[in-house]
Amino acid sequence: MASAASGSGSFTIVANRGAITASIILAVIMQALDTTIANVALPYIQGSVSASADQINWVLTSYITAAAIMTPPSGYFASRFGRKRVLLVAIAGFVVASVLCGIAQSLLQIVGFRLLQGFFGAALVPLSQSILLDIYSPEERGSAMAVFGVSIMVGPVLGPVIGGWLTDHISWRWVFYINVGIGAIAFAGVSAFVTETKLDLAGKLDWLGFGTLSVTIAALQIFLDRGEQLDWFSSGEIIVEALICACAFYLFLVHTFTAKGNSFVKPRLFLDRNFALGMIFIFIVGVTYLASMALMTPYLQSLMGYPIVTAGLVMGPRGMGTMVCMFAVGKLIGKVETRWLLLIGLGLTAWAMWDMTGWTPDVSQGRIVVTGFVQGAGLGFLFVPLSVVTFATLPASSRGDATGLYNLSRNIGSSVGISVVSALLTENIQVNHADIASYVTAFNPMFRLPAVLQTLSPFTAAGRAALDSVITEQATTIGYMDDFKLMMIMALAAMPLVFLLKKAAQPAAIDHSAVME
């Protein structure tokens, strides 16, 4: 379809390729920005909707969870209703949901509208990529996918910076309103230049498998998001959510292994060792990258007192490290053993997390920037080699289903990781506060020092308030250290699994950008 063959149809496609590419890239950038642009504004959103520290992360997890659920069936909807039509609905729905997020007045509203964003945004990346693959010849697809990959990575780089500037100079609501202009241009371009595909009315979706898996993921996410707030299994709601998750997952497994036709998930895929291990690796990547970003925002703004623009600027180099190393690793594939590249990526990630376990509220901006760049570099060393080795031993006919599951695993890792580290942070702060406070008594000889007694006296209300503030700050710092240590351990634990991966005789021709979203 991409060649400049004779005939007006082919010539029209080639002539409009630039406009199509620009429209598609805008849609992808819009979706990629929303994965990180809201992070830096979370403390401001939290104040506006009167949410607690653990509740405000629902703004992130709801979006990721909805995208995880809706990504796998996006191909079916495109074939059933037409790729252009589905893409236009996705862009329009995403923009409308963004506006609704901007005008939201409560936590329930913004979480619900973020769910809508995730539902509509899930189809933008895979459908945009398929269009680019169609309009470019095989010889040109490498360059097209490089541009596509860069557009996806623009989000982590520019998201915190743009989000910080908009929130500081206008309002946090503009991190959502900015999608209106981008989406309008993308919608107009797709409407004018993209041609519709033929409909496949014979295609079928395993609705039972899709439904039970969706219920499993949704119930698990609500269970994790609400568990800490409701004291876990002492709450009837949490018990109900756990039972729903377990029952839905049981039905999903039974249906998957007994279905006579095509099931939503193909169990035979997991017989491939590389694919099964790749699913574990990409889950860990989702946890260590997006969960750590969710922690960084309150750490920088609440604990260290950074202005929002400064917080966005010091978080930006993380995405820059990913982008630079992805380009470098792309040239190393085939020249350096893939497993060594994965080990380097895991090692850089573990080192970054280890360094963060030593952070205090007095850590320098330079150290934050360097550590963030190293963590981003680790991600860059993981993404491309992992996509190659995960799909290298699968037959070509299975790669479509495999990439859908691969993306699903990454999204679940991201949403579950954010929920788990947030719950652990809340719990550990309480435990650490109690432990530290047990050593703060009126009989402590330190309180006999005049300098200490003047500001931190346990005998006055002002002194006790100052003491509690100091203890809370220390407890919070240790809580963050514990979360960073957990993610470091996960990266280190994954390193031995690298040696279980099989080396393919001939690396599969995988479009690396397919696994970024």
Protein backbone atom coordinates (compact mmCIF):
# COMPACT_ATOMS: atom_id res chain seq x y z
CA MET A 1 0.00 0.00 0.00
CA ALA A 2 2.93 2.34 0.56
CA SER A 3 4.66 2.06 -2.76
CA ALA A 4 4.37 4.79 -5.36
CA ALA A 5 2.84 2.46 -7.87
CA SER A 6 0.85 3.62 -10.85
CA GLY A 7 -2.76 4.50 -10.18
CA SER A 8 -4.41 7.48 -8.62
CA GLY A 9 -5.22 5.69 -5.35
CA SER A 10 -1.61 4.81 -4.54
CA PHE A 11 -0.43 8.26 -5.66
CA THR A 12 -2.96 9.92 -3.36
CA ILE A 13 -1.79 7.89 -0.39
CA VAL A 14 1.85 8.73 -1.07
CA ALA A 15 1.08 12.41 -1.67
CA ASN A 16 -0.76 12.67 1.65
CA ARG A 17 1.71 10.61 3.64
CA GLY A 18 3.20 13.64 5.36
CA ALA A 19 -0.19 14.91 6.48
CA ILE A 20 -1.25 11.42 7.63
CA THR A 21 1.98 10.95 9.57
CA ALA A 22 1.69 14.37 11.24
CA SER A 23 -1.92 13.70 12.26
CA ILE A 24 -1.10 10.25 13.61
CA ILE A 25 1.93 11.50 15.53
CA LEU A 26 -0.16 14.25 17.15
CA ALA A 27 -2.69 11.67 18.35
CA VAL A 28 0.09 9.50 19.77
CA ILE A 29 1.79 12.45 21.51
CA MET A 30 -1.55 13.46 23.04
CA GLN A 31 -2.00 10.00 24.52
CA ALA A 32 1.65 9.69 25.61
CA LEU A 33 1.60 13.07 27.37
CA ASP A 34 -1.30 12.00 29.56
CA THR A 35 0.67 9.12 31.04
CA THR A 36 2.97 11.59 32.84
CA ILE A 37 1.65 15.15 32.53
CA ALA A 38 -0.79 14.67 35.42
CA ASN A 39 1.89 13.27 37.77
CA VAL A 40 3.45 16.59 38.63
CA ALA A 41 0.03 18.20 39.22
CA LEU A 42 -1.19 15.52 41.64
CA PRO A 43 -0.61 17.54 44.85
CA TYR A 44 -2.68 20.41 43.39
CA ILE A 45 -5.43 18.05 42.22
CA GLN A 46 -5.35 16.46 45.67
CA GLY A 47 -6.07 19.80 47.32
CA SER A 48 -8.83 20.69 44.88
CA VAL A 49 -10.78 17.46 45.32
CA SER A 50 -9.95 16.93 49.02
CA ALA A 51 -8.27 13.54 48.57
CA SER A 52 -5.76 11.76 50.77
CA ALA A 53 -2.24 10.91 49.61
CA ASP A 54 -3.15 7.32 48.72
CA GLN A 55 -6.50 8.25 47.13
CA ILE A 56 -5.03 10.76 44.69
CA ASN A 57 -3.05 8.00 42.96
CA TRP A 58 -6.37 6.67 41.69
CA VAL A 59 -6.08 9.44 39.11
CA LEU A 60 -3.09 7.55 37.67
CA THR A 61 -4.18 3.95 38.21
CA SER A 62 -7.69 4.41 36.79
CA TYR A 63 -6.26 5.67 33.50
CA ILE A 64 -3.68 2.88 33.24
CA THR A 65 -6.16 0.16 34.21
CA ALA A 66 -8.72 1.27 31.63
CA ALA A 67 -6.03 1.37 28.96
CA ALA A 68 -4.87 -2.11 29.96
CA ILE A 69 -8.37 -3.53 29.62
CA MET A 70 -9.18 -1.91 26.27
CA THR A 71 -5.86 -2.32 24.42
CA PRO A 72 -6.21 -6.04 23.46
CA PRO A 73 -9.65 -5.75 21.74
CA SER A 74 -8.75 -2.58 19.80
CA GLY A 75 -7.77 -4.66 16.75
CA TYR A 76 -11.14 -6.41 16.74
CA PHE A 77 -13.06 -3.13 16.87
CA ALA A 78 -10.95 -1.74 14.00
CA SER A 79 -11.66 -4.75 11.80
CA ARG A 80 -15.34 -4.83 12.73
CA PHE A 81 -16.19 -1.12 12.42
CA GLY A 82 -13.32 0.26 10.32
CA ARG A 83 -9.92 1.48 11.47
CA LYS A 84 -10.47 5.13 10.55
CA ARG A 85 -13.87 5.25 12.22
CA VAL A 86 -12.56 3.69 15.45
CA LEU A 87 -9.55 6.02 15.47
CA LEU A 88 -11.78 9.10 15.07
CA VAL A 89 -14.05 7.92 17.88
CA ALA A 90 -10.98 7.31 20.05
CA ILE A 91 -9.58 10.81 19.44
CA ALA A 92 -12.93 12.52 19.98
CA GLY A 93 -13.71 10.47 23.08
CA PHE A 94 -10.25 11.13 24.51
CA VAL A 95 -10.65 14.90 24.03
CA VAL A 96 -14.14 14.95 25.56
CA ALA A 97 -12.93 12.89 28.53
CA SER A 98 -10.00 15.31 28.95
CA VAL A 99 -12.37 18.28 29.12
CA LEU A 100 -14.51 16.44 31.68
CA CYS A 101 -11.35 15.76 33.76
CA GLY A 102 -10.59 19.47 33.64
CA ILE A 103 -13.99 20.51 34.95
CA ALA A 104 -14.23 17.71 37.56
CA GLN A 105 -15.16 18.93 41.06
CA SER A 106 -14.68 15.74 43.09
CA LEU A 107 -12.34 12.77 43.31
CA LEU A 108 -15.08 10.42 42.09
CA GLN A 109 -15.67 12.56 39.01
CA ILE A 110 -12.04 12.90 37.99
CA VAL A 111 -11.37 9.17 38.51
CA GLY A 112 -14.43 8.30 36.42
CA PHE A 113 -13.40 10.66 33.63
CA ARG A 114 -9.83 9.32 33.73
CA LEU A 115 -11.33 5.88 33.18
CA LEU A 116 -13.02 7.25 30.07
CA GLN A 117 -9.69 8.69 28.94
CA GLY A 118 -8.07 5.29 29.29
CA PHE A 119 -10.90 3.50 27.46
CA PHE A 120 -10.69 5.81 24.45
CA GLY A 121 -6.92 6.32 24.53
CA ALA A 122 -6.12 2.59 24.48
CA ALA A 123 -6.74 2.32 20.72
CA LEU A 124 -4.73 5.38 19.69
CA VAL A 125 -1.24 3.84 19.73
CA PRO A 126 -1.88 0.42 18.10
CA LEU A 127 -4.18 1.83 15.38
CA SER A 128 -1.83 4.73 14.65
CA GLN A 129 1.06 2.33 14.27
CA SER A 130 -0.88 0.05 11.94
CA ILE A 131 -1.70 3.03 9.69
CA LEU A 132 1.95 4.06 9.50
CA LEU A 133 2.95 0.50 8.62
CA ASP A 134 0.40 0.53 5.79
CA ILE A 135 1.41 3.81 4.16
CA TYR A 136 5.17 3.20 4.19
CA SER A 137 7.06 0.64 2.15
CA PRO A 138 9.05 -2.09 3.94
CA GLU A 139 12.26 -0.17 3.20
CA GLU A 140 10.86 3.00 4.80
CA ARG A 141 9.21 1.44 7.83
CA GLY A 142 12.36 1.57 9.93
CA SER A 143 12.48 5.36 9.73
CA ALA A 144 8.72 5.61 10.22
CA MET A 145 8.87 3.46 13.36
CA ALA A 146 11.78 5.52 14.69
CA VAL A 147 9.65 8.67 14.41
CA PHE A 148 6.74 6.79 15.96
CA GLY A 149 8.93 5.64 18.85
CA VAL A 150 10.19 9.16 19.48
CA SER A 151 6.62 10.47 19.57
CA ILE A 152 5.81 7.94 22.30
CA MET A 153 8.89 8.85 24.32
CA VAL A 154 8.14 12.58 24.08
CA GLY A 155 5.52 12.05 26.79
CA PRO A 156 7.88 11.07 29.64
CA VAL A 157 10.28 13.86 28.61
CA LEU A 158 7.89 16.78 28.15
CA GLY A 159 5.01 15.64 30.37
CA PRO A 160 6.42 16.74 33.76
CA VAL A 161 7.85 19.96 32.31
CA ILE A 162 4.67 21.04 30.49
CA GLY A 163 2.47 19.87 33.36
CA GLY A 164 4.53 21.84 35.86
CA TRP A 165 4.45 25.03 33.79
CA LEU A 166 0.71 24.85 33.10
CA THR A 167 -0.13 24.14 36.72
CA ASP A 168 2.09 26.93 38.03
CA HIS A 169 1.13 29.63 35.54
CA ILE A 170 -2.54 28.80 34.83
CA SER A 171 -4.16 25.86 36.64
CA TRP A 172 -3.81 22.11 37.01
CA ARG A 173 -6.97 21.79 34.91
CA TRP A 174 -4.99 22.87 31.86
CA VAL A 175 -2.96 19.65 31.90
CA PHE A 176 -6.20 18.18 30.54
CA TYR A 177 -7.46 21.13 28.50
CA ILE A 178 -4.25 21.12 26.44
CA ASN A 179 -5.56 17.98 24.72
CA VAL A 180 -8.36 19.94 23.07
CA GLY A 181 -6.12 21.78 20.59
CA ILE A 182 -3.90 18.77 19.88
CA GLY A 183 -6.89 16.46 19.51
CA ALA A 184 -8.77 18.86 17.20
CA ILE A 185 -5.84 19.05 14.77
CA ALA A 186 -5.32 15.28 14.88
CA PHE A 187 -9.05 14.64 14.33
CA ALA A 188 -9.16 17.02 11.35
CA GLY A 189 -6.07 15.43 9.80
CA VAL A 190 -7.31 11.86 10.21
CA SER A 191 -10.75 12.84 8.84
CA ALA A 192 -9.28 14.51 5.77
CA PHE A 193 -6.39 12.24 4.80
CA VAL A 194 -6.77 8.71 6.23
CA THR A 195 -8.75 6.24 4.11
CA GLU A 196 -11.13 3.70 5.63
CA THR A 197 -10.28 0.00 5.70
CA LYS A 198 -12.52 -2.85 4.59
CA LEU A 199 -14.79 -4.28 7.26
CA ASP A 200 -14.38 -7.83 8.49
CA LEU A 201 -17.83 -8.82 9.67
CA ALA A 202 -16.78 -12.43 10.15
CA GLY A 203 -14.29 -11.58 12.91
CA LYS A 204 -15.28 -12.54 16.44
CA LEU A 205 -14.16 -11.51 19.89
CA ASP A 206 -14.17 -13.90 22.81
CA TRP A 207 -16.51 -11.76 24.90
CA LEU A 208 -16.59 -14.16 27.84
CA GLY A 209 -12.80 -14.27 28.07
CA PHE A 210 -12.54 -10.51 27.61
CA GLY A 211 -15.28 -9.83 30.16
CA THR A 212 -13.96 -12.11 32.91
CA LEU A 213 -10.40 -10.81 32.47
CA SER A 214 -11.65 -7.21 32.59
CA VAL A 215 -13.61 -7.86 35.77
CA THR A 216 -10.54 -9.55 37.29
CA ILE A 217 -8.29 -6.58 36.54
CA ALA A 218 -10.85 -3.99 37.68
CA ALA A 219 -11.63 -5.82 40.94
CA LEU A 220 -7.93 -6.32 41.67
CA GLN A 221 -7.21 -2.63 41.11
CA ILE A 222 -10.07 -1.47 43.34
CA PHE A 223 -8.96 -4.00 45.98
CA LEU A 224 -5.42 -2.58 45.96
CA ASP A 225 -6.49 1.07 45.78
CA ARG A 226 -9.03 0.83 48.61
CA GLY A 227 -7.33 -1.78 50.81
CA GLU A 228 -5.07 0.48 52.86
CA GLN A 229 -7.82 3.03 53.43
CA LEU A 230 -10.31 0.38 54.66
CA ASP A 231 -7.79 -1.70 56.64
CA TRP A 232 -7.81 -4.57 54.18
CA PHE A 233 -9.75 -7.71 55.15
CA SER A 234 -11.33 -6.13 58.19
CA SER A 235 -13.61 -4.40 55.66
CA GLY A 236 -16.57 -6.14 54.06
CA GLU A 237 -16.05 -4.19 50.85
CA ILE A 238 -12.49 -5.45 50.46
CA ILE A 239 -13.60 -9.04 51.06
CA VAL A 240 -16.28 -8.69 48.36
CA GLU A 241 -13.77 -7.22 45.90
CA ALA A 242 -11.29 -10.01 46.61
CA LEU A 243 -14.00 -12.64 46.06
CA ILE A 244 -15.11 -11.01 42.80
CA CYS A 245 -11.51 -10.91 41.58
CA ALA A 246 -10.89 -14.55 42.52
CA CYS A 247 -14.15 -15.82 41.00
CA ALA A 248 -13.71 -13.86 37.78
CA PHE A 249 -10.14 -15.06 37.42
CA TYR A 250 -11.26 -18.67 38.02
CA LEU A 251 -13.93 -18.34 35.32
CA PHE A 252 -11.38 -16.77 32.99
CA LEU A 253 -8.92 -19.65 33.49
CA VAL A 254 -11.60 -22.34 33.07
CA HIS A 255 -12.93 -20.73 29.92
CA THR A 256 -9.45 -20.14 28.49
CA PHE A 257 -8.39 -23.76 28.88
CA THR A 258 -11.70 -25.31 27.80
CA ALA A 259 -12.84 -23.03 24.96
CA LYS A 260 -13.15 -24.89 21.67
CA GLY A 261 -12.81 -21.81 19.48
CA ASN A 262 -10.34 -18.97 19.71
CA SER A 263 -10.08 -17.82 23.31
CA PHE A 264 -9.20 -14.25 24.26
CA VAL A 265 -5.83 -15.44 25.61
CA LYS A 266 -4.00 -18.31 23.91
CA PRO A 267 -2.53 -20.58 26.63
CA ARG A 268 -0.03 -22.09 24.21
CA LEU A 269 1.82 -18.77 24.10
CA PHE A 270 3.06 -19.33 27.63
CA LEU A 271 4.70 -22.60 26.60
CA ASP A 272 7.32 -20.43 24.92
CA ARG A 273 9.96 -19.78 27.58
CA ASN A 274 11.08 -16.43 26.20
CA PHE A 275 7.55 -15.09 26.03
CA ALA A 276 6.68 -16.24 29.56
CA LEU A 277 9.84 -14.66 30.97
CA GLY A 278 9.29 -11.53 28.89
CA MET A 279 5.88 -11.10 30.51
CA ILE A 280 7.57 -11.18 33.93
CA PHE A 281 10.25 -8.71 32.88
CA ILE A 282 7.85 -6.17 31.37
CA PHE A 283 5.67 -6.40 34.50
CA ILE A 284 8.72 -5.46 36.58
CA VAL A 285 9.53 -2.64 34.16
CA GLY A 286 6.02 -1.27 34.63
CA VAL A 287 6.40 -1.37 38.41
CA THR A 288 9.85 0.20 38.62
CA TYR A 289 9.28 2.99 36.12
CA LEU A 290 5.77 4.42 36.52
CA ALA A 291 5.47 3.53 40.22
CA SER A 292 8.72 5.35 40.97
CA MET A 293 7.48 8.38 39.00
CA ALA A 294 4.30 8.39 41.09
CA LEU A 295 6.46 8.49 44.21
CA MET A 296 8.77 11.20 42.94
CA THR A 297 6.08 13.88 42.62
CA PRO A 298 5.04 14.00 46.31
CA TYR A 299 8.65 13.43 47.36
CA LEU A 300 9.89 16.50 45.51
CA GLN A 301 6.94 18.80 46.17
CA SER A 302 5.68 17.78 49.60
CA LEU A 303 8.80 16.48 51.34
CA MET A 304 11.47 18.65 49.70
CA GLY A 305 9.29 21.70 49.09
CA TYR A 306 10.15 22.07 45.39
CA PRO A 307 8.02 24.45 43.31
CA ILE A 308 6.01 22.55 40.72
CA VAL A 309 8.02 23.89 37.77
CA THR A 310 11.31 22.86 39.40
CA ALA A 311 9.90 19.41 40.17
CA GLY A 312 8.91 19.00 36.52
CA LEU A 313 12.32 20.10 35.28
CA VAL A 314 14.30 17.71 37.51
CA MET A 315 12.01 14.81 36.48
CA GLY A 316 12.40 15.53 32.76
CA PRO A 317 15.93 14.03 32.34
CA ARG A 318 14.52 10.61 33.25
CA GLY A 319 12.66 10.48 29.93
CA MET A 320 15.66 11.95 28.13
CA GLY A 321 17.82 9.08 29.38
CA THR A 322 15.29 6.60 28.03
CA MET A 323 15.15 8.25 24.61
CA VAL A 324 18.95 8.54 24.20
CA CYS A 325 19.61 4.95 25.23
CA MET A 326 16.80 3.55 23.09
CA PHE A 327 18.46 5.01 20.00
CA ALA A 328 21.87 3.71 21.11
CA VAL A 329 20.58 0.23 21.93
CA GLY A 330 18.76 0.06 18.58
CA LYS A 331 22.15 0.20 16.89
CA LEU A 332 23.64 -2.38 19.27
CA ILE A 333 20.98 -5.02 18.61
CA GLY A 334 22.62 -7.82 16.62
CA LYS A 335 26.11 -6.67 17.60
CA VAL A 336 25.86 -7.23 21.36
CA GLU A 337 24.24 -10.25 23.01
CA THR A 338 20.66 -9.26 23.89
CA ARG A 339 20.87 -10.79 27.34
CA TRP A 340 23.85 -8.58 28.22
CA LEU A 341 21.87 -5.51 27.22
CA LEU A 342 19.05 -6.64 29.50
CA LEU A 343 21.49 -7.14 32.37
CA ILE A 344 22.86 -3.64 31.86
CA GLY A 345 19.32 -2.23 31.91
CA LEU A 346 18.39 -4.10 35.09
CA GLY A 347 21.71 -3.13 36.66
CA LEU A 348 21.19 0.57 35.92
CA THR A 349 17.65 0.40 37.27
CA ALA A 350 18.81 -1.34 40.46
CA TRP A 351 21.63 1.18 40.93
CA ALA A 352 19.23 4.11 40.54
CA MET A 353 16.86 2.62 43.11
CA TRP A 354 19.76 1.89 45.47
CA ASP A 355 20.91 5.49 45.22
CA MET A 356 17.39 6.70 45.95
CA THR A 357 17.34 4.67 49.19
CA GLY A 358 19.98 7.11 50.47
CA TRP A 359 18.06 10.28 49.61
CA THR A 360 17.03 12.74 52.29
CA PRO A 361 15.09 16.02 51.94
CA ASP A 362 18.50 17.70 51.61
CA VAL A 363 19.55 15.76 48.48
CA SER A 364 20.91 18.03 45.74
CA GLN A 365 19.14 18.73 42.46
CA GLY A 366 22.18 17.49 40.56
CA ARG A 367 21.96 14.09 42.23
CA ILE A 368 18.24 13.84 41.50
CA VAL A 369 18.83 14.67 37.83
CA VAL A 370 21.72 12.21 37.45
CA THR A 371 19.88 9.39 39.21
CA GLY A 372 16.74 10.02 37.15
CA PHE A 373 18.77 10.01 33.92
CA VAL A 374 20.41 6.70 34.93
CA GLN A 375 17.02 5.15 35.71
CA GLY A 376 15.71 6.32 32.35
CA ALA A 377 18.82 4.91 30.67
CA GLY A 378 18.11 1.57 32.33
CA LEU A 379 14.63 1.60 30.84
CA GLY A 380 16.12 2.40 27.44
CA PHE A 381 18.39 -0.63 27.71
CA LEU A 382 15.41 -2.82 28.62
CA PHE A 383 12.64 -1.85 26.17
CA VAL A 384 14.14 -2.71 22.79
CA PRO A 385 16.14 -5.86 23.73
CA LEU A 386 13.18 -7.15 25.70
CA SER A 387 10.88 -6.75 22.70
CA VAL A 388 13.35 -8.65 20.54
CA VAL A 389 14.00 -11.56 22.87
CA THR A 390 10.37 -11.93 24.03
CA PHE A 391 9.00 -12.48 20.53
CA ALA A 392 12.07 -13.99 18.86
CA THR A 393 11.06 -17.61 19.40
CA LEU A 394 7.34 -17.18 18.66
CA PRO A 395 5.90 -18.01 15.24
CA ALA A 396 4.87 -14.96 13.22
CA SER A 397 1.19 -15.99 13.37
CA SER A 398 1.19 -15.67 17.18
CA ARG A 399 2.85 -12.27 17.51
CA GLY A 400 -0.37 -10.25 17.24
CA ASP A 401 -1.89 -11.97 20.28
CA ALA A 402 1.46 -11.94 22.07
CA THR A 403 2.01 -8.18 21.75
CA GLY A 404 -1.47 -7.54 23.17
CA LEU A 405 -0.71 -9.64 26.26
CA TYR A 406 2.73 -8.07 26.53
CA ASN A 407 1.25 -4.56 26.67
CA LEU A 408 -1.41 -5.79 29.09
CA SER A 409 1.27 -7.11 31.45
CA ARG A 410 3.14 -3.81 31.39
CA ASN A 411 0.01 -1.79 32.10
CA ILE A 412 -1.03 -4.09 34.94
CA GLY A 413 2.48 -3.85 36.37
CA SER A 414 2.27 -0.06 36.26
CA SER A 415 -1.17 0.22 37.89
CA VAL A 416 -0.56 -2.51 40.47
CA GLY A 417 2.89 -1.10 41.24
CA ILE A 418 1.53 2.40 41.88
CA SER A 419 -1.16 1.02 44.18
CA VAL A 420 1.20 -1.25 46.11
CA VAL A 421 3.97 1.31 46.70
CA SER A 422 1.38 3.93 47.71
CA ALA A 423 -0.23 1.55 50.21
CA LEU A 424 3.18 0.53 51.58
CA LEU A 425 4.22 4.16 51.88
CA THR A 426 1.11 5.05 53.90
CA GLU A 427 1.50 2.03 56.18
CA ASN A 428 5.26 2.40 56.65
CA ILE A 429 4.94 6.09 57.54
CA GLN A 430 2.57 5.15 60.36
CA VAL A 431 4.82 2.33 61.58
CA ASN A 432 7.98 4.44 61.36
CA HIS A 433 6.29 7.34 63.14
CA ALA A 434 5.33 5.07 66.05
CA ASP A 435 8.83 3.55 66.23
CA ILE A 436 10.60 6.92 66.23
CA ALA A 437 8.10 8.46 68.65
CA SER A 438 8.79 5.67 71.16
CA TYR A 439 12.29 7.13 71.66
CA VAL A 440 11.01 10.67 72.15
CA THR A 441 10.19 10.99 75.85
CA ALA A 442 10.53 13.76 78.36
CA PHE A 443 13.26 11.72 80.06
CA ASN A 444 15.51 11.71 76.97
CA PRO A 445 18.78 13.45 78.04
CA MET A 446 18.82 15.39 74.74
CA PHE A 447 15.97 17.54 76.03
CA ARG A 448 18.25 18.88 78.74
CA LEU A 449 20.20 20.80 76.11
CA PRO A 450 19.01 24.43 75.98
CA ALA A 451 19.17 24.61 72.17
CA VAL A 452 16.93 21.55 71.82
CA LEU A 453 14.60 22.53 74.66
CA GLN A 454 14.01 25.94 73.12
CA THR A 455 12.44 24.65 69.87
CA LEU A 456 11.53 21.01 70.53
CA SER A 457 10.35 21.03 74.10
CA PRO A 458 7.99 18.15 74.94
CA PHE A 459 6.57 20.28 77.74
CA THR A 460 4.88 22.90 75.53
CA ALA A 461 2.21 22.63 72.83
CA ALA A 462 4.40 24.42 70.28
CA GLY A 463 7.35 22.17 71.11
CA ARG A 464 5.27 19.00 70.80
CA ALA A 465 3.91 20.18 67.43
CA ALA A 466 7.46 20.85 66.22
CA LEU A 467 8.57 17.44 67.47
CA ASP A 468 5.71 15.73 65.66
CA SER A 469 6.61 17.57 62.44
CA VAL A 470 10.23 16.41 62.66
CA ILE A 471 9.20 12.83 63.43
CA THR A 472 6.71 12.80 60.55
CA GLU A 473 9.35 14.06 58.13
CA GLN A 474 11.80 11.37 59.23
CA ALA A 475 9.12 8.65 59.11
CA THR A 476 8.09 9.75 55.63
CA THR A 477 11.68 9.76 54.39
CA ILE A 478 12.21 6.22 55.67
CA GLY A 479 8.90 5.17 54.07
CA TYR A 480 10.11 6.35 50.67
CA MET A 481 13.43 4.56 51.23
CA ASP A 482 11.54 1.32 51.88
CA ASP A 483 9.60 1.65 48.62
CA PHE A 484 12.74 2.38 46.61
CA LYS A 485 14.44 -0.59 48.25
CA LEU A 486 11.53 -2.86 47.25
CA MET A 487 11.87 -1.80 43.60
CA MET A 488 15.64 -2.29 43.76
CA ILE A 489 15.13 -5.84 45.05
CA MET A 490 12.68 -6.56 42.21
CA ALA A 491 15.25 -5.43 39.62
CA LEU A 492 18.00 -7.51 41.23
CA ALA A 493 15.73 -10.57 41.53
CA ALA A 494 14.98 -10.40 37.80
CA MET A 495 18.66 -10.49 36.79
CA PRO A 496 19.19 -14.28 37.17
CA LEU A 497 16.11 -14.90 35.00
CA VAL A 498 17.94 -13.31 32.06
CA PHE A 499 20.12 -16.42 31.72
CA LEU A 500 17.00 -18.58 31.24
CA LEU A 501 16.17 -16.77 28.01
CA LYS A 502 16.88 -18.61 24.79
CA LYS A 503 19.04 -17.00 22.16
CA ALA A 504 17.25 -17.06 18.81
CA ALA A 505 19.23 -18.18 15.80
CA GLN A 506 17.74 -15.33 13.75
CA PRO A 507 16.26 -12.36 15.62
CA ALA A 508 12.65 -11.75 14.75
CA ALA A 509 11.75 -8.67 12.82
CA ILE A 510 9.88 -6.85 15.53
CA ASP A 511 8.79 -3.23 15.38
CA HIS A 512 10.15 -2.10 18.72
CA SER A 513 7.68 0.70 19.12
CA ALA A 514 4.88 -1.85 19.29
CA VAL A 515 5.83 -2.70 22.85
CA MET A 516 6.21 0.82 24.18
CA GLU A 517 2.52 1.25 24.77
